[in-house]
Amino acid sequence: MDDSEKLLELRVITEADDDDAVLLSYLEQAKAIILNRMYPYLDDTAYEGLTIPKRFEYKQIRIAAYLLNKRGAEGEVQHIENGIHRNYKNADVPEDMLWDVFPMVGIPR
């Protein structure tokens, strides 16, 4: 799946009307989160050129959607308004979304 397909999928599931650059930024952040989980000991410059495995492409889109929907309330601990309750344990992606992404052993190719 290329970036344009991921962008379209993200736009559909979030009903976002944001600029493509904004949505692509969230997709890149999601990609970095997955790669960081897969290769926890690489430095930031080593991620350039790496791709996520095909089986994690929809996970990348779901993580990007999660980050996009949480925009503006990243560190929120509790918010109650008109019967709507929101609270977040942390400002990062929940572990539940990354349960099946395991660290890799060796040097990525």
N, C-alpha and C. Protein backbone atom coordinates (compact mmCIF):
# COMPACT_ATOMS: atom_id res chain seq x y z
N MET A 1 0.86 -1.17 0.00
CA MET A 1 0.00 0.00 0.00
C MET A 1 0.91 1.23 0.00
N ASP A 2 0.68 2.13 -0.92
CA ASP A 2 1.51 3.34 -0.95
C ASP A 2 0.89 4.45 -0.09
N ASP A 3 1.62 5.56 0.03
CA ASP A 3 1.19 6.65 0.91
C ASP A 3 -0.16 7.24 0.50
N SER A 4 -0.43 7.30 -0.80
CA SER A 4 -1.70 7.89 -1.24
C SER A 4 -2.89 7.01 -0.83
N GLU A 5 -2.70 5.70 -0.87
CA GLU A 5 -3.76 4.79 -0.42
C GLU A 5 -3.97 4.89 1.09
N LYS A 6 -2.87 4.98 1.83
CA LYS A 6 -2.96 5.13 3.28
C LYS A 6 -3.63 6.46 3.63
N LEU A 7 -3.29 7.50 2.88
CA LEU A 7 -3.88 8.81 3.10
C LEU A 7 -5.38 8.77 2.86
N LEU A 8 -5.80 8.14 1.79
CA LEU A 8 -7.23 8.01 1.49
C LEU A 8 -7.94 7.22 2.58
N GLU A 9 -7.36 6.12 3.02
CA GLU A 9 -7.95 5.30 4.07
C GLU A 9 -8.08 6.10 5.37
N LEU A 10 -7.04 6.85 5.73
CA LEU A 10 -7.07 7.67 6.94
C LEU A 10 -8.15 8.74 6.83
N ARG A 11 -8.25 9.34 5.67
CA ARG A 11 -9.27 10.38 5.46
C ARG A 11 -10.68 9.80 5.59
N VAL A 12 -10.88 8.59 5.09
CA VAL A 12 -12.20 7.94 5.15
C VAL A 12 -12.57 7.58 6.58
N ILE A 13 -11.66 6.96 7.32
CA ILE A 13 -12.03 6.50 8.65
C ILE A 13 -12.13 7.63 9.68
N THR A 14 -11.45 8.74 9.42
CA THR A 14 -11.52 9.85 10.38
C THR A 14 -12.46 10.96 9.91
N GLU A 15 -12.89 10.87 8.66
CA GLU A 15 -13.71 11.94 8.06
C GLU A 15 -13.02 13.29 8.19
N ALA A 16 -11.68 13.27 8.09
CA ALA A 16 -10.88 14.48 8.25
C ALA A 16 -10.91 15.31 6.97
N ASP A 17 -10.96 16.61 7.15
CA ASP A 17 -10.86 17.52 6.01
C ASP A 17 -9.57 18.32 6.08
N ASP A 18 -8.59 17.77 6.80
CA ASP A 18 -7.28 18.42 6.94
C ASP A 18 -6.50 18.35 5.64
N ASP A 19 -5.49 19.19 5.57
CA ASP A 19 -4.57 19.21 4.45
C ASP A 19 -3.84 17.86 4.37
N ASP A 20 -3.48 17.43 3.17
CA ASP A 20 -2.76 16.17 3.00
C ASP A 20 -1.47 16.13 3.80
N ALA A 21 -0.77 17.27 3.87
CA ALA A 21 0.50 17.32 4.60
C ALA A 21 0.30 17.00 6.08
N VAL A 22 -0.80 17.45 6.65
CA VAL A 22 -1.09 17.17 8.06
C VAL A 22 -1.33 15.68 8.26
N LEU A 23 -2.15 15.08 7.41
CA LEU A 23 -2.45 13.66 7.53
C LEU A 23 -1.22 12.80 7.27
N LEU A 24 -0.40 13.20 6.30
CA LEU A 24 0.83 12.47 6.04
C LEU A 24 1.78 12.56 7.23
N SER A 25 1.77 13.67 7.93
CA SER A 25 2.59 13.83 9.12
C SER A 25 2.15 12.84 10.20
N TYR A 26 0.85 12.67 10.38
CA TYR A 26 0.35 11.69 11.35
C TYR A 26 0.69 10.27 10.93
N LEU A 27 0.65 9.99 9.64
CA LEU A 27 1.05 8.66 9.16
C LEU A 27 2.53 8.42 9.41
N GLU A 28 3.36 9.45 9.24
CA GLU A 28 4.79 9.32 9.51
C GLU A 28 5.05 9.11 11.00
N GLN A 29 4.29 9.80 11.84
CA GLN A 29 4.44 9.61 13.28
C GLN A 29 4.07 8.18 13.67
N ALA A 30 2.99 7.67 13.09
CA ALA A 30 2.57 6.29 13.37
C ALA A 30 3.63 5.30 12.89
N LYS A 31 4.20 5.56 11.75
CA LYS A 31 5.27 4.71 11.22
C LYS A 31 6.46 4.71 12.18
N ALA A 32 6.83 5.89 12.67
CA ALA A 32 7.96 6.00 13.60
C ALA A 32 7.68 5.26 14.90
N ILE A 33 6.45 5.30 15.37
CA ILE A 33 6.07 4.58 16.59
C ILE A 33 6.24 3.08 16.40
N ILE A 34 5.80 2.57 15.26
CA ILE A 34 5.92 1.14 14.97
C ILE A 34 7.38 0.74 14.82
N LEU A 35 8.14 1.54 14.07
CA LEU A 35 9.56 1.22 13.87
C LEU A 35 10.34 1.31 15.18
N ASN A 36 9.97 2.26 16.02
CA ASN A 36 10.64 2.39 17.30
C ASN A 36 10.39 1.17 18.18
N ARG A 37 9.21 0.59 18.07
CA ARG A 37 8.90 -0.63 18.81
C ARG A 37 9.66 -1.81 18.22
N MET A 38 9.76 -1.85 16.90
CA MET A 38 10.45 -2.96 16.24
C MET A 38 11.96 -2.92 16.45
N TYR A 39 12.54 -1.71 16.40
CA TYR A 39 13.98 -1.54 16.51
C TYR A 39 14.28 -0.52 17.62
N PRO A 40 14.14 -0.93 18.88
CA PRO A 40 14.24 0.03 19.98
C PRO A 40 15.63 0.63 20.18
N TYR A 41 16.66 0.03 19.62
CA TYR A 41 18.01 0.51 19.88
C TYR A 41 18.63 1.27 18.72
N LEU A 42 17.86 1.53 17.68
CA LEU A 42 18.37 2.33 16.57
C LEU A 42 18.27 3.81 16.92
N ASP A 43 19.21 4.59 16.42
CA ASP A 43 19.06 6.03 16.62
C ASP A 43 18.12 6.59 15.55
N ASP A 44 17.68 7.82 15.74
CA ASP A 44 16.65 8.41 14.88
C ASP A 44 17.03 8.45 13.41
N THR A 45 18.31 8.64 13.11
CA THR A 45 18.72 8.75 11.72
C THR A 45 18.67 7.40 11.00
N ALA A 46 18.73 6.31 11.74
CA ALA A 46 18.73 4.98 11.13
C ALA A 46 17.36 4.59 10.61
N TYR A 47 16.30 5.28 11.01
CA TYR A 47 14.95 4.95 10.56
C TYR A 47 14.68 5.39 9.12
N GLU A 48 15.48 6.32 8.63
CA GLU A 48 15.25 6.83 7.28
C GLU A 48 15.40 5.69 6.27
N GLY A 49 14.43 5.58 5.41
CA GLY A 49 14.47 4.55 4.38
C GLY A 49 13.86 3.22 4.80
N LEU A 50 13.60 3.03 6.10
CA LEU A 50 12.98 1.79 6.54
C LEU A 50 11.48 1.83 6.26
N THR A 51 10.93 0.69 5.96
CA THR A 51 9.49 0.59 5.78
C THR A 51 8.93 -0.37 6.82
N ILE A 52 7.69 -0.18 7.14
CA ILE A 52 7.06 -1.11 8.08
C ILE A 52 6.58 -2.32 7.29
N PRO A 53 6.52 -3.47 7.93
CA PRO A 53 6.02 -4.67 7.24
C PRO A 53 4.57 -4.48 6.78
N LYS A 54 4.24 -5.14 5.71
CA LYS A 54 2.90 -5.02 5.12
C LYS A 54 1.80 -5.31 6.13
N ARG A 55 2.03 -6.26 7.03
CA ARG A 55 0.99 -6.63 8.00
C ARG A 55 0.70 -5.51 9.00
N PHE A 56 1.57 -4.51 9.09
CA PHE A 56 1.35 -3.40 10.01
C PHE A 56 0.85 -2.13 9.32
N GLU A 57 0.54 -2.18 8.05
CA GLU A 57 0.09 -0.98 7.34
C GLU A 57 -1.24 -0.46 7.88
N TYR A 58 -2.19 -1.35 8.14
CA TYR A 58 -3.46 -0.89 8.70
C TYR A 58 -3.30 -0.45 10.15
N LYS A 59 -2.37 -1.06 10.86
CA LYS A 59 -2.06 -0.62 12.22
C LYS A 59 -1.52 0.81 12.17
N GLN A 60 -0.69 1.10 11.19
CA GLN A 60 -0.17 2.46 11.01
C GLN A 60 -1.32 3.45 10.81
N ILE A 61 -2.28 3.08 10.01
CA ILE A 61 -3.43 3.94 9.75
C ILE A 61 -4.26 4.12 11.02
N ARG A 62 -4.48 3.03 11.76
CA ARG A 62 -5.26 3.12 13.01
C ARG A 62 -4.55 3.98 14.06
N ILE A 63 -3.24 3.85 14.15
CA ILE A 63 -2.49 4.68 15.10
C ILE A 63 -2.55 6.14 14.68
N ALA A 64 -2.41 6.41 13.39
CA ALA A 64 -2.51 7.79 12.90
C ALA A 64 -3.90 8.36 13.19
N ALA A 65 -4.93 7.55 13.01
CA ALA A 65 -6.30 8.00 13.30
C ALA A 65 -6.46 8.29 14.79
N TYR A 66 -5.88 7.44 15.63
CA TYR A 66 -5.94 7.66 17.08
C TYR A 66 -5.27 8.99 17.44
N LEU A 67 -4.08 9.21 16.90
CA LEU A 67 -3.36 10.46 17.19
C LEU A 67 -4.11 11.67 16.66
N LEU A 68 -4.68 11.53 15.48
CA LEU A 68 -5.43 12.63 14.88
C LEU A 68 -6.67 12.97 15.69
N ASN A 69 -7.39 11.96 16.14
CA ASN A 69 -8.60 12.18 16.92
C ASN A 69 -8.31 12.73 18.31
N LYS A 70 -7.11 12.48 18.81
CA LYS A 70 -6.74 12.95 20.14
C LYS A 70 -6.07 14.33 20.09
N ARG A 71 -5.95 14.88 18.91
CA ARG A 71 -5.28 16.17 18.72
C ARG A 71 -5.95 17.25 19.56
N GLY A 72 -5.13 18.00 20.27
CA GLY A 72 -5.64 19.08 21.11
C GLY A 72 -5.91 18.65 22.54
N ALA A 73 -5.88 17.36 22.79
CA ALA A 73 -6.13 16.87 24.15
C ALA A 73 -5.08 15.82 24.52
N GLU A 74 -3.86 16.00 24.04
CA GLU A 74 -2.82 14.98 24.18
C GLU A 74 -2.55 14.58 25.62
N GLY A 75 -2.45 15.53 26.52
CA GLY A 75 -2.10 15.20 27.89
C GLY A 75 -3.26 15.23 28.86
N GLU A 76 -4.45 15.21 28.32
CA GLU A 76 -5.65 15.34 29.14
C GLU A 76 -5.77 14.20 30.14
N VAL A 77 -6.00 14.55 31.40
CA VAL A 77 -6.17 13.54 32.43
C VAL A 77 -7.65 13.29 32.67
N GLN A 78 -8.45 14.34 32.71
CA GLN A 78 -9.89 14.15 32.84
C GLN A 78 -10.60 15.38 32.29
N HIS A 79 -11.71 15.12 31.62
CA HIS A 79 -12.51 16.20 31.03
C HIS A 79 -13.97 15.75 31.08
N ILE A 80 -14.78 16.52 31.75
CA ILE A 80 -16.20 16.20 31.86
C ILE A 80 -16.99 17.40 31.36
N GLU A 81 -17.83 17.16 30.37
CA GLU A 81 -18.63 18.25 29.81
C GLU A 81 -19.91 17.68 29.22
N ASN A 82 -21.05 18.16 29.67
CA ASN A 82 -22.35 17.73 29.15
C ASN A 82 -22.51 16.21 29.13
N GLY A 83 -22.07 15.57 30.17
CA GLY A 83 -22.22 14.13 30.27
C GLY A 83 -21.18 13.32 29.54
N ILE A 84 -20.23 13.97 28.90
CA ILE A 84 -19.15 13.27 28.21
C ILE A 84 -17.92 13.28 29.10
N HIS A 85 -17.37 12.10 29.35
CA HIS A 85 -16.20 11.97 30.23
C HIS A 85 -15.01 11.51 29.40
N ARG A 86 -13.90 12.22 29.52
CA ARG A 86 -12.66 11.83 28.85
C ARG A 86 -11.53 11.84 29.86
N ASN A 87 -10.72 10.83 29.84
CA ASN A 87 -9.48 10.84 30.61
C ASN A 87 -8.49 9.93 29.90
N TYR A 88 -7.24 10.28 29.95
CA TYR A 88 -6.19 9.52 29.28
C TYR A 88 -5.12 9.16 30.30
N LYS A 89 -4.64 7.93 30.22
CA LYS A 89 -3.58 7.50 31.13
C LYS A 89 -2.28 8.19 30.79
N ASN A 90 -2.00 8.31 29.50
CA ASN A 90 -0.77 8.96 29.08
C ASN A 90 -1.00 9.65 27.75
N ALA A 91 -0.01 10.35 27.28
CA ALA A 91 -0.17 11.10 26.04
C ALA A 91 0.31 10.31 24.83
N ASP A 92 0.70 9.08 25.03
CA ASP A 92 1.22 8.28 23.93
C ASP A 92 0.17 7.29 23.44
N VAL A 93 0.55 6.48 22.49
CA VAL A 93 -0.33 5.46 21.93
C VAL A 93 -0.50 4.35 22.97
N PRO A 94 -1.71 3.88 23.21
CA PRO A 94 -1.92 2.82 24.18
C PRO A 94 -1.18 1.53 23.80
N GLU A 95 -0.72 0.82 24.81
CA GLU A 95 -0.03 -0.44 24.58
C GLU A 95 -0.91 -1.43 23.83
N ASP A 96 -2.21 -1.34 24.01
CA ASP A 96 -3.13 -2.25 23.32
C ASP A 96 -2.98 -2.19 21.81
N MET A 97 -2.61 -1.02 21.29
CA MET A 97 -2.48 -0.87 19.84
C MET A 97 -1.17 -1.47 19.33
N LEU A 98 -0.22 -1.71 20.22
CA LEU A 98 1.09 -2.20 19.81
C LEU A 98 1.40 -3.60 20.36
N TRP A 99 0.40 -4.29 20.83
CA TRP A 99 0.63 -5.57 21.49
C TRP A 99 1.31 -6.60 20.60
N ASP A 100 1.10 -6.54 19.30
CA ASP A 100 1.66 -7.55 18.41
C ASP A 100 2.89 -7.08 17.64
N VAL A 101 3.44 -5.94 18.00
CA VAL A 101 4.67 -5.44 17.38
C VAL A 101 5.82 -5.78 18.32
N PHE A 102 6.63 -6.75 17.93
CA PHE A 102 7.71 -7.22 18.78
C PHE A 102 9.05 -6.64 18.33
N PRO A 103 9.96 -6.42 19.28
CA PRO A 103 11.30 -5.96 18.90
C PRO A 103 12.00 -7.00 18.02
N MET A 104 12.71 -6.51 17.04
CA MET A 104 13.45 -7.37 16.12
C MET A 104 14.88 -7.49 16.60
N VAL A 105 15.49 -8.62 16.31
CA VAL A 105 16.88 -8.83 16.65
C VAL A 105 17.70 -8.70 15.37
N GLY A 106 18.77 -7.94 15.43
CA GLY A 106 19.63 -7.79 14.28
C GLY A 106 19.52 -6.40 13.68
N ILE A 107 20.17 -6.23 12.55
CA ILE A 107 20.21 -4.94 11.87
C ILE A 107 19.20 -4.96 10.74
N PRO A 108 18.32 -3.94 10.66
CA PRO A 108 17.33 -3.92 9.58
C PRO A 108 18.00 -3.77 8.22
N ARG A 109 17.39 -4.35 7.19
CA ARG A 109 17.94 -4.27 5.83
C ARG A 109 17.08 -3.41 4.97
